[in-house]
C-alpha atoms as a PDB file:
ATOM      1  CA  MET A   1      62.554  66.779  77.386  1.00  0.00           C
ATOM      2  CA  SER A   2      62.162  69.729  79.702  1.00  0.00           C
ATOM      3  CA  PRO A   3      64.879  72.367  79.786  1.00  0.00           C
ATOM      4  CA  THR A   4      67.239  72.184  82.750  1.00  0.00           C
ATOM      5  CA  LYS A   5      66.524  74.613  85.521  1.00  0.00           C
ATOM      6  CA  ALA A   6      69.122  76.509  87.443  1.00  0.00           C
ATOM      7  CA  MET A   7      69.440  75.909  91.158  1.00  0.00           C
ATOM      8  CA  ASN A   8      67.530  78.408  93.208  1.00  0.00           C
ATOM      9  CA  LEU A   9      70.159  79.743  95.574  1.00  0.00           C
ATOM     10  CA  ARG A  10      68.972  81.943  98.383  1.00  0.00           C
ATOM     11  CA  PHE A  11      71.299  83.346 100.987  1.00  0.00           C
ATOM     12  CA  PRO A  12      69.809  85.174 103.960  1.00  0.00           C
ATOM     13  CA  ASP A  13      73.163  86.859 104.561  1.00  0.00           C
ATOM     14  CA  PRO A  14      74.335  88.999 101.594  1.00  0.00           C
ATOM     15  CA  GLU A  15      77.922  88.915 102.907  1.00  0.00           C
ATOM     16  CA  GLN A  16      77.844  85.111 102.872  1.00  0.00           C
ATOM     17  CA  ARG A  17      76.654  85.095  99.260  1.00  0.00           C
ATOM     18  CA  ALA A  18      79.360  87.576  98.276  1.00  0.00           C
ATOM     19  CA  ALA A  19      82.042  85.460  99.949  1.00  0.00           C
ATOM     20  CA  ILE A  20      80.858  82.304  98.198  1.00  0.00           C
ATOM     21  CA  GLU A  21      80.624  84.079  94.837  1.00  0.00           C
ATOM     22  CA  ALA A  22      84.171  85.396  95.297  1.00  0.00           C
ATOM     23  CA  ALA A  23      85.430  81.902  96.128  1.00  0.00           C
ATOM     24  CA  ALA A  24      83.676  80.489  93.042  1.00  0.00           C
ATOM     25  CA  ARG A  25      85.224  83.191  90.833  1.00  0.00           C
ATOM     26  CA  GLN A  26      88.634  82.463  92.306  1.00  0.00           C
ATOM     27  CA  GLU A  27      88.168  78.767  91.444  1.00  0.00           C
ATOM     28  CA  GLY A  28      86.931  79.717  87.973  1.00  0.00           C
ATOM     29  CA  VAL A  29      83.602  77.915  88.285  1.00  0.00           C
ATOM     30  CA  SER A  30      79.968  78.897  88.533  1.00  0.00           C
ATOM     31  CA  LEU A  31      78.333  79.499  91.892  1.00  0.00           C
ATOM     32  CA  GLN A  32      76.245  76.356  91.458  1.00  0.00           C
ATOM     33  CA  GLU A  33      79.236  74.215  90.559  1.00  0.00           C
ATOM     34  CA  TYR A  34      81.201  75.599  93.509  1.00  0.00           C
ATOM     35  CA  ILE A  35      78.390  74.798  95.964  1.00  0.00           C
ATOM     36  CA  LEU A  36      77.824  71.330  94.523  1.00  0.00           C
ATOM     37  CA  SER A  37      81.556  70.576  94.659  1.00  0.00           C
ATOM     38  CA  ALA A  38      81.717  71.722  98.272  1.00  0.00           C
ATOM     39  CA  ALA A  39      78.689  69.569  99.163  1.00  0.00           C
ATOM     40  CA  TYR A  40      80.254  66.563  97.423  1.00  0.00           C
ATOM     41  CA  ALA A  41      83.576  67.110  99.213  1.00  0.00           C
ATOM     42  CA  ARG A  42      81.806  67.302 102.561  1.00  0.00           C
ATOM     43  CA  ALA A  43      79.770  64.156 101.892  1.00  0.00           C
ATOM     44  CA  THR A  44      82.911  62.329 100.802  1.00  0.00           C
ATOM     45  CA  ALA A  45      84.723  63.403 103.976  1.00  0.00           C
ATOM     46  CA  VAL A  46      81.831  62.123 106.095  1.00  0.00           C
ATOM     47  CA  GLU A  47      81.908  58.830 104.195  1.00  0.00           C
ATOM     48  CA  GLU A  48      85.675  58.511 104.732  1.00  0.00           C
ATOM     49  CA  ARG A  49      85.321  59.120 108.479  1.00  0.00           C
ATOM     50  CA  PHE A  50      82.572  56.506 108.625  1.00  0.00           C
ATOM     51  CA  LEU A  51      84.664  53.969 106.703  1.00  0.00           C
ATOM     52  CA  ASP A  52      87.717  54.649 108.897  1.00  0.00           C
ATOM     53  CA  ALA A  53      85.616  54.070 112.012  1.00  0.00           C
ATOM     54  CA  PHE A  54      84.095  50.943 110.457  1.00  0.00           C
ATOM     55  CA  HIS A  55      87.507  49.508 109.585  1.00  0.00           C
ATOM     56  CA  GLY A  56      88.713  50.258 113.117  1.00  0.00           C
ATOM     57  CA  SER A  57      85.693  48.462 114.517  1.00  0.00           C
ATOM     58  CA  MET A  58      86.351  45.476 112.256  1.00  0.00           C
ATOM     59  CA  ALA A  59      89.963  45.328 113.432  1.00  0.00           C
ATOM     60  CA  ARG A  60      88.896  45.379 117.085  1.00  0.00           C
ATOM     61  CA  SER A  61      86.329  42.643 116.407  1.00  0.00           C
ATOM     62  CA  GLY A  62      88.963  40.597 114.596  1.00  0.00           C
ATOM     63  CA  ASP A  63      91.291  40.940 117.571  1.00  0.00           C
ATOM     64  CA  ALA A  64      88.515  39.787 119.896  1.00  0.00           C
ATOM     65  CA  PHE A  65      87.788  36.743 117.722  1.00  0.00           C
ATOM     66  CA  THR A  66      91.488  35.918 117.586  1.00  0.00           C
ATOM     67  CA  GLU A  67      91.647  35.998 121.388  1.00  0.00           C
ATOM     68  CA  GLU A  68      88.555  33.773 121.588  1.00  0.00           C
ATOM     69  CA  ALA A  69      90.078  31.326 119.114  1.00  0.00           C
ATOM     70  CA  GLY A  70      93.122  31.107 121.358  1.00  0.00           C
ATOM     71  CA  ALA A  71      90.896  30.231 124.290  1.00  0.00           C
ATOM     72  CA  ALA A  72      89.100  27.560 122.247  1.00  0.00           C
ATOM     73  CA  ASN A  73      92.397  26.157 120.979  1.00  0.00           C
ATOM     74  CA  PRO A  74      94.528  25.674 124.076  1.00  0.00           C
ATOM     75  CA  GLY A  75      98.277  25.494 123.812  1.00  0.00           C
ATOM     76  CA  ALA A  76     100.303  22.318 124.343  1.00  0.00           C
ATOM     77  CA  GLU A  77     101.091  23.194 127.972  1.00  0.00           C
ATOM     78  CA  GLN A  78      97.448  23.737 128.819  1.00  0.00           C
ATOM     79  CA  ARG A  79      96.423  20.468 127.125  1.00  0.00           C
ATOM     80  CA  THR A  80      99.119  18.581 129.025  1.00  0.00           C
ATOM     81  CA  ALA A  81      97.967  20.108 132.329  1.00  0.00           C
ATOM     82  CA  GLU A  82      94.343  19.212 131.552  1.00  0.00           C
ATOM     83  CA  LEU A  83      95.247  15.610 130.704  1.00  0.00           C
ATOM     84  CA  GLU A  84      97.303  15.343 133.894  1.00  0.00           C
ATOM     85  CA  ALA A  85      94.407  16.687 135.964  1.00  0.00           C
ATOM     86  CA  ARG A  86      92.020  14.244 134.295  1.00  0.00           C
ATOM     87  CA  ARG A  87      94.323  11.289 135.028  1.00  0.00           C
ATOM     88  CA  GLU A  88      94.635  12.345 138.663  1.00  0.00           C
ATOM     89  CA  LEU A  89      90.866  12.677 138.965  1.00  0.00           C
ATOM     90  CA  GLU A  90      90.309   9.230 137.436  1.00  0.00           C
ATOM     91  CA  GLU A  91      92.879   7.694 139.795  1.00  0.00           C
ATOM     92  CA  GLN A  92      91.179   9.322 142.797  1.00  0.00           C
ATOM     93  CA  GLN A  93      87.822   8.017 141.638  1.00  0.00           C
ATOM     94  CA  LYS A  94      89.227   4.496 141.237  1.00  0.00           C
ATOM     95  CA  ARG A  95      90.721   4.639 144.728  1.00  0.00           C
ATOM     96  CA  GLY A  96      87.420   5.918 146.119  1.00  0.00           C
ATOM     97  CA  HIS A  97      85.531   2.965 144.633  1.00  0.00           C
ATOM     98  CA  ALA A  98      88.099   0.496 145.894  1.00  0.00           C
ATOM     99  CA  ALA A  99      87.788   1.717 149.479  1.00  0.00           C
END
């Protein structure tokens, strides 16, 4: 097994490196661990935002399907009105043939 290698951390801005090193010391962790933890936290936050948006999208889709189901399953009043209209149409057709 090969020995583990340390991360090669290069910072073009020495002030940025100093600030990150100070933050790592304050947290009581190594510079590498601090950077990896920050990267993990950021990735997790992105994932959470994505999942929140996905769940919102699912809820909107569910609402749309519920509305469509209502249109496919008419209420009692609508069914009664449709049956009445059908009876009237059939009566008119019968009268038209009789004339």
